[in-house]
Amino acid sequence: MDAMEEQELQPACRAYEGRLESFLEYGPDAADSPGGAELAAHLEKCAACRGALDRAREAAQWVRATQDPTPDPGAWFATRVLARIREEEHKRVATPFWGPIESLASRLAMGVGMVVILLCGYVYESAPRQSPVANGQTEVTSEFPQPPSHPADKDEVLASLSGANYGY
């Protein structure tokens, strides 16, 4: 670093350091600002304060350069915003009428479902218990007459045919 750069990087005088920012805000008319004439005279004598003022100006230019102006949204913006506001108001107005009815219907459906489940459990538990059947065949003797037994030989067949019921 040469002597000129070292002089520019020195901090500003403490008495004038706070005034440099307000001096920058006034721009070309800074000498007419309150205390501006005194600061202008000091800047002519003090290289450190001049360097600090130059660095502050450069930093302000960098900040302004990085700030992009907001683009104009165009004529459609207001129309779109108002249309969306109307949509939201319409939704808000339409919802209160059906909202409670939907809520009541869902609660009612849940309640009916629970009652059906409880009734199914009650019927299952209160049904009479049946004893299991040992085999698939059941014997019914009292309601139906027994078929005649098979004859053992031919004589038995003849005797049964000549009996009182079958004879003359």
C-alpha atoms as a PDB file:
ATOM      1  CA  MET A   1       0.000   0.000   0.000  1.00  0.00           C
ATOM      2  CA  ASP A   2       1.232   3.428  -0.744  1.00  0.00           C
ATOM      3  CA  ALA A   3       0.908   6.440   1.545  1.00  0.00           C
ATOM      4  CA  MET A   4      -2.227   7.737  -0.220  1.00  0.00           C
ATOM      5  CA  GLU A   5      -4.164   4.476   0.308  1.00  0.00           C
ATOM      6  CA  GLU A   6      -3.093   4.305   3.959  1.00  0.00           C
ATOM      7  CA  GLN A   7      -4.364   7.830   4.490  1.00  0.00           C
ATOM      8  CA  GLU A   8      -7.732   6.962   2.888  1.00  0.00           C
ATOM      9  CA  LEU A   9      -8.194   3.860   5.081  1.00  0.00           C
ATOM     10  CA  GLN A  10      -7.628   5.745   8.327  1.00  0.00           C
ATOM     11  CA  PRO A  11     -10.784   6.165  10.398  1.00  0.00           C
ATOM     12  CA  ALA A  12     -12.506   9.523  10.419  1.00  0.00           C
ATOM     13  CA  CYS A  13     -12.121  11.896  13.314  1.00  0.00           C
ATOM     14  CA  ARG A  14     -14.471  10.999  16.172  1.00  0.00           C
ATOM     15  CA  ALA A  15     -15.889  14.504  16.381  1.00  0.00           C
ATOM     16  CA  TYR A  16     -16.944  14.501  12.714  1.00  0.00           C
ATOM     17  CA  GLU A  17     -17.646  10.806  12.110  1.00  0.00           C
ATOM     18  CA  GLY A  18     -21.347  11.030  13.040  1.00  0.00           C
ATOM     19  CA  ARG A  19     -21.905  14.065  10.806  1.00  0.00           C
ATOM     20  CA  LEU A  20     -20.551  12.435   7.630  1.00  0.00           C
ATOM     21  CA  GLU A  21     -23.774  10.494   7.018  1.00  0.00           C
ATOM     22  CA  SER A  22     -25.987  13.568   7.265  1.00  0.00           C
ATOM     23  CA  PHE A  23     -23.480  15.420   5.050  1.00  0.00           C
ATOM     24  CA  LEU A  24     -23.970  12.683   2.417  1.00  0.00           C
ATOM     25  CA  GLU A  25     -27.767  12.953   2.595  1.00  0.00           C
ATOM     26  CA  TYR A  26     -27.725  16.623   1.596  1.00  0.00           C
ATOM     27  CA  GLY A  27     -25.709  15.895  -1.535  1.00  0.00           C
ATOM     28  CA  PRO A  28     -24.398  18.963  -3.439  1.00  0.00           C
ATOM     29  CA  ASP A  29     -26.003  21.369  -0.955  1.00  0.00           C
ATOM     30  CA  ALA A  30     -24.181  19.782   1.989  1.00  0.00           C
ATOM     31  CA  ALA A  31     -22.368  23.018   2.865  1.00  0.00           C
ATOM     32  CA  ASP A  32     -25.787  24.675   3.445  1.00  0.00           C
ATOM     33  CA  SER A  33     -26.865  21.959   5.936  1.00  0.00           C
ATOM     34  CA  PRO A  34     -26.674  22.611   9.703  1.00  0.00           C
ATOM     35  CA  GLY A  35     -23.015  22.351  10.639  1.00  0.00           C
ATOM     36  CA  GLY A  36     -22.180  21.718   6.991  1.00  0.00           C
ATOM     37  CA  ALA A  37     -19.864  24.716   6.576  1.00  0.00           C
ATOM     38  CA  GLU A  38     -17.763  23.622   9.541  1.00  0.00           C
ATOM     39  CA  LEU A  39     -17.582  20.034   8.263  1.00  0.00           C
ATOM     40  CA  ALA A  40     -16.675  21.239   4.740  1.00  0.00           C
ATOM     41  CA  ALA A  41     -13.812  23.281   6.190  1.00  0.00           C
ATOM     42  CA  HIS A  42     -12.651  20.257   8.209  1.00  0.00           C
ATOM     43  CA  LEU A  43     -12.805  18.004   5.131  1.00  0.00           C
ATOM     44  CA  GLU A  44     -10.431  20.363   3.279  1.00  0.00           C
ATOM     45  CA  LYS A  45      -7.841  19.897   6.039  1.00  0.00           C
ATOM     46  CA  CYS A  46      -8.372  16.215   7.101  1.00  0.00           C
ATOM     47  CA  ALA A  47      -7.512  13.493   4.592  1.00  0.00           C
ATOM     48  CA  ALA A  48      -8.853  10.699   6.853  1.00  0.00           C
ATOM     49  CA  CYS A  49     -12.332  12.277   6.950  1.00  0.00           C
ATOM     50  CA  ARG A  50     -12.227  12.882   3.186  1.00  0.00           C
ATOM     51  CA  GLY A  51     -11.352   9.201   2.673  1.00  0.00           C
ATOM     52  CA  ALA A  52     -14.176   8.103   4.983  1.00  0.00           C
ATOM     53  CA  LEU A  53     -16.619  10.375   3.111  1.00  0.00           C
ATOM     54  CA  ASP A  54     -15.461   8.973  -0.248  1.00  0.00           C
ATOM     55  CA  ARG A  55     -15.857   5.381   1.013  1.00  0.00           C
ATOM     56  CA  ALA A  56     -19.340   6.218   2.310  1.00  0.00           C
ATOM     57  CA  ARG A  57     -20.309   7.727  -1.077  1.00  0.00           C
ATOM     58  CA  GLU A  58     -19.020   4.657  -2.882  1.00  0.00           C
ATOM     59  CA  ALA A  59     -20.893   2.319  -0.521  1.00  0.00           C
ATOM     60  CA  ALA A  60     -24.101   4.311  -1.059  1.00  0.00           C
ATOM     61  CA  GLN A  61     -23.666   3.979  -4.833  1.00  0.00           C
ATOM     62  CA  TRP A  62     -23.157   0.218  -4.495  1.00  0.00           C
ATOM     63  CA  VAL A  63     -26.273  -0.114  -2.368  1.00  0.00           C
ATOM     64  CA  ARG A  64     -28.347   1.901  -4.844  1.00  0.00           C
ATOM     65  CA  ALA A  65     -27.001  -0.191  -7.722  1.00  0.00           C
ATOM     66  CA  THR A  66     -28.049  -3.453  -6.055  1.00  0.00           C
ATOM     67  CA  GLN A  67     -31.583  -2.307  -5.403  1.00  0.00           C
ATOM     68  CA  ASP A  68     -33.699  -3.071  -8.442  1.00  0.00           C
ATOM     69  CA  PRO A  69     -36.784  -0.959  -8.800  1.00  0.00           C
ATOM     70  CA  THR A  70     -40.014  -2.878  -8.394  1.00  0.00           C
ATOM     71  CA  PRO A  71     -41.522  -3.569 -11.796  1.00  0.00           C
ATOM     72  CA  ASP A  72     -44.940  -2.145 -12.540  1.00  0.00           C
ATOM     73  CA  PRO A  73     -47.505  -4.940 -12.061  1.00  0.00           C
ATOM     74  CA  GLY A  74     -49.553  -3.725 -15.008  1.00  0.00           C
ATOM     75  CA  ALA A  75     -53.198  -2.978 -15.507  1.00  0.00           C
ATOM     76  CA  TRP A  76     -54.265  -6.603 -15.007  1.00  0.00           C
ATOM     77  CA  PHE A  77     -53.038  -6.671 -11.404  1.00  0.00           C
ATOM     78  CA  ALA A  78     -55.897  -4.701  -9.870  1.00  0.00           C
ATOM     79  CA  THR A  79     -58.468  -6.653 -11.875  1.00  0.00           C
ATOM     80  CA  ARG A  80     -57.047 -10.003 -10.769  1.00  0.00           C
ATOM     81  CA  VAL A  81     -56.833  -8.969  -7.132  1.00  0.00           C
ATOM     82  CA  LEU A  82     -60.416  -7.729  -7.098  1.00  0.00           C
ATOM     83  CA  ALA A  83     -61.617 -10.924  -8.800  1.00  0.00           C
ATOM     84  CA  ARG A  84     -59.872 -13.061  -6.194  1.00  0.00           C
ATOM     85  CA  ILE A  85     -61.354 -10.961  -3.391  1.00  0.00           C
ATOM     86  CA  ARG A  86     -64.824 -11.514  -4.859  1.00  0.00           C
ATOM     87  CA  GLU A  87     -64.171 -15.269  -5.117  1.00  0.00           C
ATOM     88  CA  GLU A  88     -63.082 -15.454  -1.489  1.00  0.00           C
ATOM     89  CA  GLU A  89     -66.116 -13.471  -0.344  1.00  0.00           C
ATOM     90  CA  HIS A  90     -68.371 -15.763  -2.367  1.00  0.00           C
ATOM     91  CA  LYS A  91     -66.765 -18.837  -0.782  1.00  0.00           C
ATOM     92  CA  ARG A  92     -67.123 -17.336   2.674  1.00  0.00           C
ATOM     93  CA  VAL A  93     -70.797 -16.547   2.067  1.00  0.00           C
ATOM     94  CA  ALA A  94     -71.548 -19.989   0.561  1.00  0.00           C
ATOM     95  CA  THR A  95     -69.784 -21.987   3.257  1.00  0.00           C
ATOM     96  CA  PRO A  96     -71.718 -20.944   6.395  1.00  0.00           C
ATOM     97  CA  PHE A  97     -75.034 -22.375   5.133  1.00  0.00           C
ATOM     98  CA  TRP A  98     -73.730 -25.854   4.264  1.00  0.00           C
ATOM     99  CA  GLY A  99     -70.932 -26.062   6.809  1.00  0.00           C
ATOM    100  CA  PRO A 100     -73.076 -26.871   9.877  1.00  0.00           C
ATOM    101  CA  ILE A 101     -75.277 -29.248   7.880  1.00  0.00           C
ATOM    102  CA  GLU A 102     -72.258 -31.198   6.652  1.00  0.00           C
ATOM    103  CA  SER A 103     -70.870 -31.335  10.169  1.00  0.00           C
ATOM    104  CA  LEU A 104     -74.183 -32.570  11.581  1.00  0.00           C
ATOM    105  CA  ALA A 105     -74.534 -35.187   8.827  1.00  0.00           C
ATOM    106  CA  SER A 106     -71.061 -36.575   9.443  1.00  0.00           C
ATOM    107  CA  ARG A 107     -71.669 -36.779  13.198  1.00  0.00           C
ATOM    108  CA  LEU A 108     -75.023 -38.452  12.634  1.00  0.00           C
ATOM    109  CA  ALA A 109     -73.467 -41.020  10.288  1.00  0.00           C
ATOM    110  CA  MET A 110     -70.747 -41.795  12.830  1.00  0.00           C
ATOM    111  CA  GLY A 111     -73.363 -42.192  15.580  1.00  0.00           C
ATOM    112  CA  VAL A 112     -75.522 -44.536  13.494  1.00  0.00           C
ATOM    113  CA  GLY A 113     -72.459 -46.588  12.616  1.00  0.00           C
ATOM    114  CA  MET A 114     -71.561 -46.970  16.292  1.00  0.00           C
ATOM    115  CA  VAL A 115     -75.144 -48.011  17.162  1.00  0.00           C
ATOM    116  CA  VAL A 116     -75.100 -50.671  14.420  1.00  0.00           C
ATOM    117  CA  ILE A 117     -71.797 -52.039  15.706  1.00  0.00           C
ATOM    118  CA  LEU A 118     -73.091 -52.175  19.280  1.00  0.00           C
ATOM    119  CA  LEU A 119     -76.330 -53.895  18.207  1.00  0.00           C
ATOM    120  CA  CYS A 120     -74.392 -56.505  16.251  1.00  0.00           C
ATOM    121  CA  GLY A 121     -72.288 -57.224  19.317  1.00  0.00           C
ATOM    122  CA  TYR A 122     -75.382 -57.458  21.537  1.00  0.00           C
ATOM    123  CA  VAL A 123     -77.179 -59.852  19.165  1.00  0.00           C
ATOM    124  CA  TYR A 124     -74.081 -62.006  18.878  1.00  0.00           C
ATOM    125  CA  GLU A 125     -73.642 -62.224  22.643  1.00  0.00           C
ATOM    126  CA  SER A 126     -77.325 -62.760  23.473  1.00  0.00           C
ATOM    127  CA  ALA A 127     -78.011 -65.470  20.855  1.00  0.00           C
ATOM    128  CA  PRO A 128     -78.718 -68.908  22.424  1.00  0.00           C
ATOM    129  CA  ARG A 129     -75.795 -71.287  22.365  1.00  0.00           C
ATOM    130  CA  GLN A 130     -76.326 -74.495  20.413  1.00  0.00           C
ATOM    131  CA  SER A 131     -74.533 -77.677  21.268  1.00  0.00           C
ATOM    132  CA  PRO A 132     -72.414 -78.960  18.456  1.00  0.00           C
ATOM    133  CA  VAL A 133     -73.746 -82.013  16.563  1.00  0.00           C
ATOM    134  CA  ALA A 134     -71.459 -85.029  16.668  1.00  0.00           C
ATOM    135  CA  ASN A 135     -72.160 -86.074  13.114  1.00  0.00           C
ATOM    136  CA  GLY A 136     -74.130 -84.662  10.254  1.00  0.00           C
ATOM    137  CA  GLN A 137     -77.041 -87.147  10.647  1.00  0.00           C
ATOM    138  CA  THR A 138     -79.798 -86.657  13.157  1.00  0.00           C
ATOM    139  CA  GLU A 139     -82.254 -89.346  14.176  1.00  0.00           C
ATOM    140  CA  VAL A 140     -85.926 -88.506  13.978  1.00  0.00           C
ATOM    141  CA  THR A 141     -88.009 -91.355  15.339  1.00  0.00           C
ATOM    142  CA  SER A 142     -91.136 -89.848  16.761  1.00  0.00           C
ATOM    143  CA  GLU A 143     -92.370 -87.866  13.784  1.00  0.00           C
ATOM    144  CA  PHE A 144     -91.898 -90.370  10.943  1.00  0.00           C
ATOM    145  CA  PRO A 145     -92.775 -94.133  10.979  1.00  0.00           C
ATOM    146  CA  GLN A 146     -89.899 -96.526  10.560  1.00  0.00           C
ATOM    147  CA  PRO A 147     -89.735 -98.355   7.249  1.00  0.00           C
ATOM    148  CA  PRO A 148     -90.147-102.108   7.516  1.00  0.00           C
ATOM    149  CA  SER A 149     -86.993-104.059   8.036  1.00  0.00           C
ATOM    150  CA  HIS A 150     -85.646-106.171   5.209  1.00  0.00           C
ATOM    151  CA  PRO A 151     -86.817-109.758   5.252  1.00  0.00           C
ATOM    152  CA  ALA A 152     -84.172-112.325   6.024  1.00  0.00           C
ATOM    153  CA  ASP A 153     -85.367-114.973   3.577  1.00  0.00           C
ATOM    154  CA  LYS A 154     -88.070-115.810   0.972  1.00  0.00           C
ATOM    155  CA  ASP A 155     -90.440-117.355   3.485  1.00  0.00           C
ATOM    156  CA  GLU A 156     -90.571-114.134   5.448  1.00  0.00           C
ATOM    157  CA  VAL A 157     -91.425-112.229   2.275  1.00  0.00           C
ATOM    158  CA  LEU A 158     -94.314-114.603   1.558  1.00  0.00           C
ATOM    159  CA  ALA A 159     -95.556-114.400   5.126  1.00  0.00           C
ATOM    160  CA  SER A 160     -95.544-110.622   5.073  1.00  0.00           C
ATOM    161  CA  LEU A 161     -97.503-110.564   1.816  1.00  0.00           C
ATOM    162  CA  SER A 162    -100.096-113.001   3.051  1.00  0.00           C
ATOM    163  CA  GLY A 163    -100.677-111.059   6.209  1.00  0.00           C
ATOM    164  CA  ALA A 164    -103.963-109.511   7.240  1.00  0.00           C
ATOM    165  CA  ASN A 165    -103.356-106.248   5.481  1.00  0.00           C
ATOM    166  CA  TYR A 166    -102.366-107.774   2.153  1.00  0.00           C
ATOM    167  CA  GLY A 167    -104.591-110.783   1.884  1.00  0.00           C
ATOM    168  CA  TYR A 168    -108.191-111.461   0.770  1.00  0.00           C
END
